[in-house]
Amino acid sequence: MRITASQRQANENRIRATIDRLLRGQIPADGGCDVKTLAREAGVDRTAFYGTRPYAHLRVEFEQRLATLQRDTGQRLDPRDSQIDRLKTEITTLKRRLEQTTGQVDELTAFREQALAQLAAQHDEITRLRAGAAAASHVTPLRRSAALVGPCN
């Protein structure tokens, strides 16, 4: 079905108004500053913005204006882009912390293994020394006398 010139002009006006709203930061909660949201908000099929379709020049204009605005202001209009950047930074930080923690766990595990080996060796040495002392004992234990003798003056 073909549309008339006046219908096409009305669609272009609606699309341009939607472009202006999106570039002012009036982005719907369920959308972004992108062609998909532009098409939905303007009430136009998204495929009309690609190839040799009737509104492809408006998509190009939208993308150029968006890129210029982002370059000039340094900000991103789509809050999801900011959230994605924040989450990427957070992921990088968490990965670094995980690597550090893993390194610390490895060091502590190695220290524990070394400490247990030393304790086992010390236990074996103490057991060996006690056995040697008991076998080579030439000490005769003294008998305790039952009666207490008074103080020596």
N, C-alpha and C. Protein backbone atom coordinates (compact mmCIF):
# COMPACT_ATOMS: atom_id res chain seq x y z
N MET A 1 0.83 -1.16 0.00
CA MET A 1 0.00 0.00 0.00
C MET A 1 0.88 1.24 0.00
N ARG A 2 0.65 2.11 -0.92
CA ARG A 2 1.41 3.34 -1.04
C ARG A 2 0.81 4.42 -0.16
N ILE A 3 1.70 5.30 0.34
CA ILE A 3 1.20 6.42 1.13
C ILE A 3 1.28 7.69 0.29
N THR A 4 0.47 8.63 0.61
CA THR A 4 0.45 9.88 -0.15
C THR A 4 1.60 10.77 0.31
N ALA A 5 1.85 11.80 -0.45
CA ALA A 5 2.91 12.74 -0.11
C ALA A 5 2.61 13.43 1.22
N SER A 6 1.36 13.73 1.47
CA SER A 6 1.01 14.40 2.73
C SER A 6 1.19 13.44 3.91
N GLN A 7 0.88 12.15 3.72
CA GLN A 7 1.10 11.17 4.78
C GLN A 7 2.59 11.00 5.07
N ARG A 8 3.38 10.98 3.99
CA ARG A 8 4.83 10.86 4.16
C ARG A 8 5.38 12.08 4.90
N GLN A 9 4.90 13.26 4.56
CA GLN A 9 5.35 14.48 5.23
C GLN A 9 4.94 14.45 6.71
N ALA A 10 3.73 13.99 6.98
CA ALA A 10 3.26 13.88 8.37
C ALA A 10 4.14 12.89 9.15
N ASN A 11 4.47 11.77 8.52
CA ASN A 11 5.36 10.79 9.16
C ASN A 11 6.73 11.40 9.44
N GLU A 12 7.29 12.12 8.45
CA GLU A 12 8.60 12.75 8.63
C GLU A 12 8.56 13.77 9.76
N ASN A 13 7.48 14.56 9.83
CA ASN A 13 7.35 15.54 10.90
C ASN A 13 7.29 14.85 12.26
N ARG A 14 6.54 13.74 12.34
CA ARG A 14 6.44 12.98 13.58
C ARG A 14 7.80 12.38 13.96
N ILE A 15 8.52 11.87 12.96
CA ILE A 15 9.85 11.29 13.21
C ILE A 15 10.81 12.37 13.69
N ARG A 16 10.81 13.52 13.05
CA ARG A 16 11.71 14.62 13.46
C ARG A 16 11.38 15.09 14.88
N ALA A 17 10.10 15.17 15.20
CA ALA A 17 9.71 15.56 16.56
C ALA A 17 10.19 14.53 17.57
N THR A 18 10.10 13.26 17.20
CA THR A 18 10.57 12.19 18.09
C THR A 18 12.09 12.25 18.22
N ILE A 19 12.79 12.53 17.13
CA ILE A 19 14.25 12.69 17.18
C ILE A 19 14.61 13.80 18.17
N ASP A 20 13.94 14.93 18.05
CA ASP A 20 14.22 16.06 18.94
C ASP A 20 13.98 15.68 20.40
N ARG A 21 12.88 14.97 20.68
CA ARG A 21 12.58 14.55 22.06
C ARG A 21 13.67 13.62 22.59
N LEU A 22 14.04 12.66 21.78
CA LEU A 22 15.07 11.71 22.23
C LEU A 22 16.40 12.41 22.47
N LEU A 23 16.76 13.34 21.60
CA LEU A 23 18.05 14.03 21.75
C LEU A 23 18.02 15.04 22.89
N ARG A 24 16.84 15.42 23.36
CA ARG A 24 16.73 16.28 24.55
C ARG A 24 16.81 15.44 25.82
N GLY A 25 16.85 14.14 25.65
CA GLY A 25 16.95 13.25 26.81
C GLY A 25 15.63 12.72 27.29
N GLN A 26 14.57 12.95 26.56
CA GLN A 26 13.25 12.45 26.94
C GLN A 26 13.08 11.04 26.38
N ILE A 27 13.73 10.12 27.04
CA ILE A 27 13.77 8.74 26.58
C ILE A 27 12.78 7.93 27.41
N PRO A 28 11.92 7.16 26.77
CA PRO A 28 10.97 6.35 27.53
C PRO A 28 11.70 5.30 28.38
N ALA A 29 11.09 4.94 29.48
CA ALA A 29 11.72 4.00 30.42
C ALA A 29 12.01 2.65 29.78
N ASP A 30 11.19 2.26 28.83
CA ASP A 30 11.39 0.95 28.22
C ASP A 30 12.15 1.03 26.90
N GLY A 31 12.84 2.14 26.66
CA GLY A 31 13.57 2.31 25.41
C GLY A 31 14.93 2.91 25.63
N GLY A 32 15.55 3.26 24.54
CA GLY A 32 16.86 3.89 24.59
C GLY A 32 16.91 4.98 23.54
N CYS A 33 18.06 5.56 23.40
CA CYS A 33 18.25 6.60 22.38
C CYS A 33 18.79 5.90 21.14
N ASP A 34 17.89 5.16 20.47
CA ASP A 34 18.29 4.35 19.33
C ASP A 34 17.17 4.32 18.29
N VAL A 35 17.48 3.72 17.15
CA VAL A 35 16.53 3.68 16.03
C VAL A 35 15.30 2.86 16.38
N LYS A 36 15.46 1.82 17.14
CA LYS A 36 14.33 0.98 17.51
C LYS A 36 13.30 1.80 18.30
N THR A 37 13.77 2.56 19.28
CA THR A 37 12.87 3.39 20.07
C THR A 37 12.31 4.52 19.22
N LEU A 38 13.14 5.10 18.36
CA LEU A 38 12.68 6.16 17.45
C LEU A 38 11.50 5.66 16.61
N ALA A 39 11.63 4.50 16.03
CA ALA A 39 10.57 3.95 15.18
C ALA A 39 9.31 3.69 15.99
N ARG A 40 9.48 3.09 17.15
CA ARG A 40 8.32 2.78 17.98
C ARG A 40 7.60 4.04 18.44
N GLU A 41 8.37 5.03 18.90
CA GLU A 41 7.77 6.26 19.41
C GLU A 41 7.12 7.08 18.29
N ALA A 42 7.68 6.99 17.08
CA ALA A 42 7.12 7.75 15.96
C ALA A 42 5.99 6.99 15.27
N GLY A 43 5.80 5.73 15.62
CA GLY A 43 4.74 4.95 15.02
C GLY A 43 5.04 4.52 13.59
N VAL A 44 6.33 4.26 13.31
CA VAL A 44 6.77 3.88 11.97
C VAL A 44 7.49 2.54 12.08
N ASP A 45 7.33 1.71 11.06
CA ASP A 45 8.02 0.43 11.01
C ASP A 45 9.53 0.67 10.98
N ARG A 46 10.26 -0.05 11.79
CA ARG A 46 11.71 0.16 11.89
C ARG A 46 12.42 -0.10 10.57
N THR A 47 11.93 -1.01 9.78
CA THR A 47 12.60 -1.31 8.50
C THR A 47 12.57 -0.12 7.55
N ALA A 48 11.69 0.84 7.78
CA ALA A 48 11.61 2.02 6.91
C ALA A 48 12.83 2.93 7.07
N PHE A 49 13.67 2.65 8.07
CA PHE A 49 14.85 3.49 8.33
C PHE A 49 16.12 2.92 7.70
N TYR A 50 16.04 1.81 7.01
CA TYR A 50 17.24 1.16 6.49
C TYR A 50 17.20 1.02 4.98
N GLY A 51 18.40 0.89 4.41
CA GLY A 51 18.55 0.68 2.97
C GLY A 51 18.03 1.86 2.17
N THR A 52 17.25 1.55 1.15
CA THR A 52 16.71 2.60 0.28
C THR A 52 15.28 2.94 0.67
N ARG A 53 14.90 2.59 1.88
CA ARG A 53 13.54 2.84 2.35
C ARG A 53 13.32 4.34 2.52
N PRO A 54 12.06 4.75 2.67
CA PRO A 54 11.72 6.17 2.62
C PRO A 54 12.32 7.03 3.74
N TYR A 55 12.61 6.46 4.91
CA TYR A 55 13.08 7.30 6.02
C TYR A 55 14.53 7.02 6.41
N ALA A 56 15.28 6.38 5.51
CA ALA A 56 16.68 6.06 5.79
C ALA A 56 17.49 7.33 6.03
N HIS A 57 17.17 8.40 5.32
CA HIS A 57 17.91 9.66 5.51
C HIS A 57 17.66 10.23 6.91
N LEU A 58 16.50 9.97 7.49
CA LEU A 58 16.21 10.45 8.84
C LEU A 58 17.00 9.64 9.88
N ARG A 59 17.19 8.34 9.63
CA ARG A 59 18.04 7.53 10.52
C ARG A 59 19.46 8.06 10.52
N VAL A 60 19.98 8.35 9.32
CA VAL A 60 21.34 8.88 9.20
C VAL A 60 21.43 10.22 9.94
N GLU A 61 20.46 11.06 9.75
CA GLU A 61 20.44 12.37 10.43
C GLU A 61 20.41 12.17 11.95
N PHE A 62 19.56 11.27 12.42
CA PHE A 62 19.45 10.99 13.85
C PHE A 62 20.79 10.51 14.41
N GLU A 63 21.41 9.56 13.74
CA GLU A 63 22.68 9.01 14.22
C GLU A 63 23.79 10.05 14.20
N GLN A 64 23.81 10.91 13.18
CA GLN A 64 24.82 11.97 13.11
C GLN A 64 24.61 12.98 14.24
N ARG A 65 23.37 13.39 14.45
CA ARG A 65 23.09 14.36 15.52
C ARG A 65 23.42 13.77 16.89
N LEU A 66 23.11 12.49 17.07
CA LEU A 66 23.42 11.82 18.33
C LEU A 66 24.92 11.77 18.55
N ALA A 67 25.67 11.40 17.52
CA ALA A 67 27.13 11.33 17.64
C ALA A 67 27.73 12.70 17.91
N THR A 68 27.22 13.72 17.23
CA THR A 68 27.71 15.09 17.45
C THR A 68 27.42 15.54 18.87
N LEU A 69 26.22 15.28 19.34
CA LEU A 69 25.85 15.68 20.69
C LEU A 69 26.72 14.97 21.72
N GLN A 70 26.96 13.70 21.53
CA GLN A 70 27.79 12.96 22.47
C GLN A 70 29.23 13.43 22.42
N ARG A 71 29.73 13.75 21.23
CA ARG A 71 31.10 14.23 21.09
C ARG A 71 31.25 15.60 21.73
N ASP A 72 30.28 16.50 21.50
CA ASP A 72 30.39 17.87 21.99
C ASP A 72 30.17 17.97 23.50
N THR A 73 29.24 17.20 24.04
CA THR A 73 28.93 17.30 25.46
C THR A 73 29.66 16.25 26.29
N GLY A 74 30.09 15.18 25.65
CA GLY A 74 30.77 14.11 26.37
C GLY A 74 29.84 13.27 27.21
N GLN A 75 28.55 13.46 27.07
CA GLN A 75 27.60 12.68 27.85
C GLN A 75 26.83 11.72 26.96
N ARG A 76 26.28 10.73 27.58
CA ARG A 76 25.46 9.77 26.87
C ARG A 76 24.02 10.01 27.26
N LEU A 77 23.18 10.08 26.25
CA LEU A 77 21.77 10.35 26.51
C LEU A 77 21.05 9.12 27.04
N ASP A 78 21.45 7.98 26.56
CA ASP A 78 20.77 6.75 26.95
C ASP A 78 21.29 6.32 28.32
N PRO A 79 20.44 6.30 29.33
CA PRO A 79 20.90 5.91 30.68
C PRO A 79 21.43 4.48 30.72
N ARG A 80 20.97 3.66 29.78
CA ARG A 80 21.47 2.29 29.76
C ARG A 80 22.94 2.26 29.39
N ASP A 81 23.38 3.18 28.52
CA ASP A 81 24.80 3.23 28.16
C ASP A 81 25.65 3.57 29.38
N SER A 82 25.19 4.53 30.16
CA SER A 82 25.92 4.89 31.39
C SER A 82 25.95 3.71 32.35
N GLN A 83 24.82 3.03 32.47
CA GLN A 83 24.75 1.88 33.35
C GLN A 83 25.69 0.77 32.86
N ILE A 84 25.74 0.56 31.56
CA ILE A 84 26.63 -0.46 31.00
C ILE A 84 28.09 -0.09 31.30
N ASP A 85 28.46 1.19 31.11
CA ASP A 85 29.82 1.62 31.41
C ASP A 85 30.15 1.41 32.89
N ARG A 86 29.19 1.78 33.77
CA ARG A 86 29.41 1.63 35.21
C ARG A 86 29.58 0.16 35.56
N LEU A 87 28.75 -0.71 34.97
CA LEU A 87 28.84 -2.13 35.26
C LEU A 87 30.14 -2.75 34.73
N LYS A 88 30.59 -2.28 33.57
CA LYS A 88 31.87 -2.78 33.04
C LYS A 88 33.02 -2.41 33.98
N THR A 89 33.00 -1.17 34.48
CA THR A 89 34.02 -0.74 35.43
C THR A 89 33.96 -1.58 36.70
N GLU A 90 32.75 -1.82 37.18
CA GLU A 90 32.58 -2.62 38.39
C GLU A 90 33.06 -4.05 38.18
N ILE A 91 32.79 -4.62 37.02
CA ILE A 91 33.25 -5.97 36.71
C ILE A 91 34.77 -6.03 36.70
N THR A 92 35.40 -5.02 36.08
CA THR A 92 36.86 -4.97 36.05
C THR A 92 37.43 -4.91 37.46
N THR A 93 36.83 -4.07 38.31
CA THR A 93 37.28 -3.94 39.70
C THR A 93 37.11 -5.26 40.44
N LEU A 94 35.96 -5.90 40.26
CA LEU A 94 35.71 -7.16 40.95
C LEU A 94 36.64 -8.27 40.47
N LYS A 95 36.96 -8.29 39.18
CA LYS A 95 37.90 -9.28 38.66
C LYS A 95 39.28 -9.08 39.29
N ARG A 96 39.70 -7.82 39.40
CA ARG A 96 41.01 -7.54 40.01
C ARG A 96 41.02 -7.98 41.47
N ARG A 97 39.94 -7.69 42.20
CA ARG A 97 39.84 -8.10 43.61
C ARG A 97 39.84 -9.62 43.72
N LEU A 98 39.15 -10.30 42.81
CA LEU A 98 39.12 -11.76 42.83
C LEU A 98 40.51 -12.33 42.61
N GLU A 99 41.27 -11.74 41.68
CA GLU A 99 42.64 -12.21 41.43
C GLU A 99 43.49 -12.02 42.68
N GLN A 100 43.36 -10.87 43.35
CA GLN A 100 44.13 -10.62 44.56
C GLN A 100 43.75 -11.61 45.66
N THR A 101 42.45 -11.82 45.83
CA THR A 101 41.97 -12.75 46.86
C THR A 101 42.43 -14.16 46.56
N THR A 102 42.37 -14.56 45.31
CA THR A 102 42.84 -15.90 44.94
C THR A 102 44.33 -16.04 45.25
N GLY A 103 45.11 -15.01 44.97
CA GLY A 103 46.53 -15.04 45.29
C GLY A 103 46.76 -15.16 46.79
N GLN A 104 46.00 -14.42 47.58
CA GLN A 104 46.14 -14.50 49.04
C GLN A 104 45.75 -15.88 49.56
N VAL A 105 44.69 -16.45 49.02
CA VAL A 105 44.27 -17.80 49.43
C VAL A 105 45.36 -18.80 49.09
N ASP A 106 45.95 -18.68 47.93
CA ASP A 106 47.04 -19.59 47.54
C ASP A 106 48.23 -19.47 48.48
N GLU A 107 48.59 -18.22 48.83
CA GLU A 107 49.70 -18.01 49.76
C GLU A 107 49.39 -18.61 51.13
N LEU A 108 48.18 -18.37 51.62
CA LEU A 108 47.81 -18.89 52.94
C LEU A 108 47.73 -20.42 52.93
N THR A 109 47.28 -21.00 51.85
CA THR A 109 47.23 -22.46 51.75
C THR A 109 48.64 -23.04 51.79
N ALA A 110 49.56 -22.43 51.07
CA ALA A 110 50.95 -22.89 51.07
C ALA A 110 51.57 -22.73 52.46
N PHE A 111 51.27 -21.61 53.13
CA PHE A 111 51.79 -21.39 54.49
C PHE A 111 51.25 -22.46 55.44
N ARG A 112 49.93 -22.75 55.34
CA ARG A 112 49.33 -23.77 56.21
C ARG A 112 49.98 -25.13 55.99
N GLU A 113 50.20 -25.49 54.73
CA GLU A 113 50.82 -26.78 54.44
C GLU A 113 52.24 -26.85 55.01
N GLN A 114 52.97 -25.75 54.90
CA GLN A 114 54.33 -25.70 55.44
C GLN A 114 54.30 -25.80 56.97
N ALA A 115 53.37 -25.08 57.61
CA ALA A 115 53.26 -25.11 59.07
C ALA A 115 52.89 -26.51 59.55
N LEU A 116 51.95 -27.17 58.87
CA LEU A 116 51.57 -28.53 59.27
C LEU A 116 52.74 -29.50 59.10
N ALA A 117 53.51 -29.33 58.04
CA ALA A 117 54.67 -30.21 57.83
C ALA A 117 55.71 -29.99 58.95
N GLN A 118 55.91 -28.74 59.34
CA GLN A 118 56.86 -28.44 60.42
C GLN A 118 56.37 -29.01 61.75
N LEU A 119 55.06 -28.88 62.01
CA LEU A 119 54.52 -29.43 63.26
C LEU A 119 54.65 -30.94 63.29
N ALA A 120 54.39 -31.58 62.17
CA ALA A 120 54.53 -33.04 62.10
C ALA A 120 55.99 -33.45 62.34
N ALA A 121 56.92 -32.72 61.76
CA ALA A 121 58.35 -33.03 61.95
C ALA A 121 58.75 -32.81 63.40
N GLN A 122 58.27 -31.73 64.02
CA GLN A 122 58.59 -31.45 65.43
C GLN A 122 57.99 -32.52 66.34
N HIS A 123 56.77 -32.96 66.03
CA HIS A 123 56.14 -34.01 66.82
C HIS A 123 56.96 -35.30 66.74
N ASP A 124 57.37 -35.65 65.53
CA ASP A 124 58.19 -36.85 65.35
C ASP A 124 59.50 -36.73 66.14
N GLU A 125 60.12 -35.55 66.13
CA GLU A 125 61.39 -35.34 66.85
C GLU A 125 61.18 -35.46 68.36
N ILE A 126 60.10 -34.86 68.87
CA ILE A 126 59.81 -34.94 70.31
C ILE A 126 59.56 -36.39 70.72
N THR A 127 58.78 -37.10 69.91
CA THR A 127 58.49 -38.51 70.20
C THR A 127 59.78 -39.32 70.20
N ARG A 128 60.66 -39.08 69.24
CA ARG A 128 61.94 -39.79 69.17
C ARG A 128 62.81 -39.48 70.38
N LEU A 129 62.89 -38.21 70.78
CA LEU A 129 63.71 -37.82 71.93
C LEU A 129 63.18 -38.41 73.22
N ARG A 130 61.86 -38.43 73.40
CA ARG A 130 61.26 -39.01 74.61
C ARG A 130 61.57 -40.51 74.69
N ALA A 131 61.42 -41.18 73.57
CA ALA A 131 61.71 -42.62 73.55
C ALA A 131 63.18 -42.87 73.85
N GLY A 132 64.05 -42.05 73.31
CA GLY A 132 65.49 -42.20 73.57
C GLY A 132 65.82 -41.91 75.02
N ALA A 133 65.18 -40.91 75.60
CA ALA A 133 65.45 -40.56 77.00
C ALA A 133 64.94 -41.66 77.93
N ALA A 134 63.83 -42.26 77.63
CA ALA A 134 63.27 -43.31 78.48
C ALA A 134 64.14 -44.57 78.42
N ALA A 135 64.69 -44.88 77.26
CA ALA A 135 65.50 -46.08 77.11
C ALA A 135 66.88 -45.91 77.74
N ALA A 136 67.43 -44.72 77.74
CA ALA A 136 68.79 -44.53 78.24
C ALA A 136 68.81 -43.94 79.63
N SER A 137 67.79 -44.10 80.37
CA SER A 137 67.70 -43.47 81.68
C SER A 137 68.52 -44.23 82.70
N HIS A 138 69.50 -43.53 83.31
CA HIS A 138 70.33 -44.11 84.37
C HIS A 138 70.01 -43.42 85.68
N VAL A 139 68.96 -42.71 85.73
CA VAL A 139 68.60 -41.97 86.94
C VAL A 139 67.73 -42.88 87.80
N THR A 140 68.09 -42.95 89.08
CA THR A 140 67.30 -43.73 90.01
C THR A 140 66.42 -42.76 90.77
N PRO A 141 65.14 -42.99 90.76
CA PRO A 141 64.27 -42.06 91.48
C PRO A 141 64.45 -42.21 92.98
N LEU A 142 64.42 -41.11 93.70
CA LEU A 142 64.55 -41.10 95.15
C LEU A 142 63.20 -41.41 95.77
N ARG A 143 63.29 -42.13 96.89
CA ARG A 143 62.06 -42.41 97.59
C ARG A 143 61.78 -41.25 98.51
N ARG A 144 60.55 -40.96 98.65
CA ARG A 144 60.16 -39.89 99.58
C ARG A 144 59.95 -40.51 100.95
N SER A 145 60.44 -39.85 101.92
CA SER A 145 60.22 -40.37 103.27
C SER A 145 58.85 -39.95 103.74
N ALA A 146 58.25 -40.80 104.54
CA ALA A 146 56.90 -40.56 105.00
C ALA A 146 56.87 -39.52 106.09
N ALA A 147 57.90 -39.45 106.89
CA ALA A 147 57.90 -38.52 108.04
C ALA A 147 58.60 -37.23 107.63
N LEU A 148 58.01 -36.17 108.12
CA LEU A 148 58.61 -34.86 107.85
C LEU A 148 59.58 -34.54 108.97
N VAL A 149 60.64 -34.05 108.64
CA VAL A 149 61.64 -33.65 109.62
C VAL A 149 61.52 -32.16 109.78
N GLY A 150 61.72 -31.67 110.94
CA GLY A 150 61.58 -30.24 111.23
C GLY A 150 62.63 -29.42 110.53
N PRO A 151 62.50 -28.13 110.72
CA PRO A 151 63.42 -27.22 110.02
C PRO A 151 64.85 -27.36 110.52
N CYS A 152 65.75 -27.12 109.68
CA CYS A 152 67.16 -27.18 110.02
C CYS A 152 67.59 -25.81 110.51
N ASN A 153 68.10 -25.78 111.75
CA ASN A 153 68.60 -24.51 112.29
C ASN A 153 70.05 -24.59 112.56
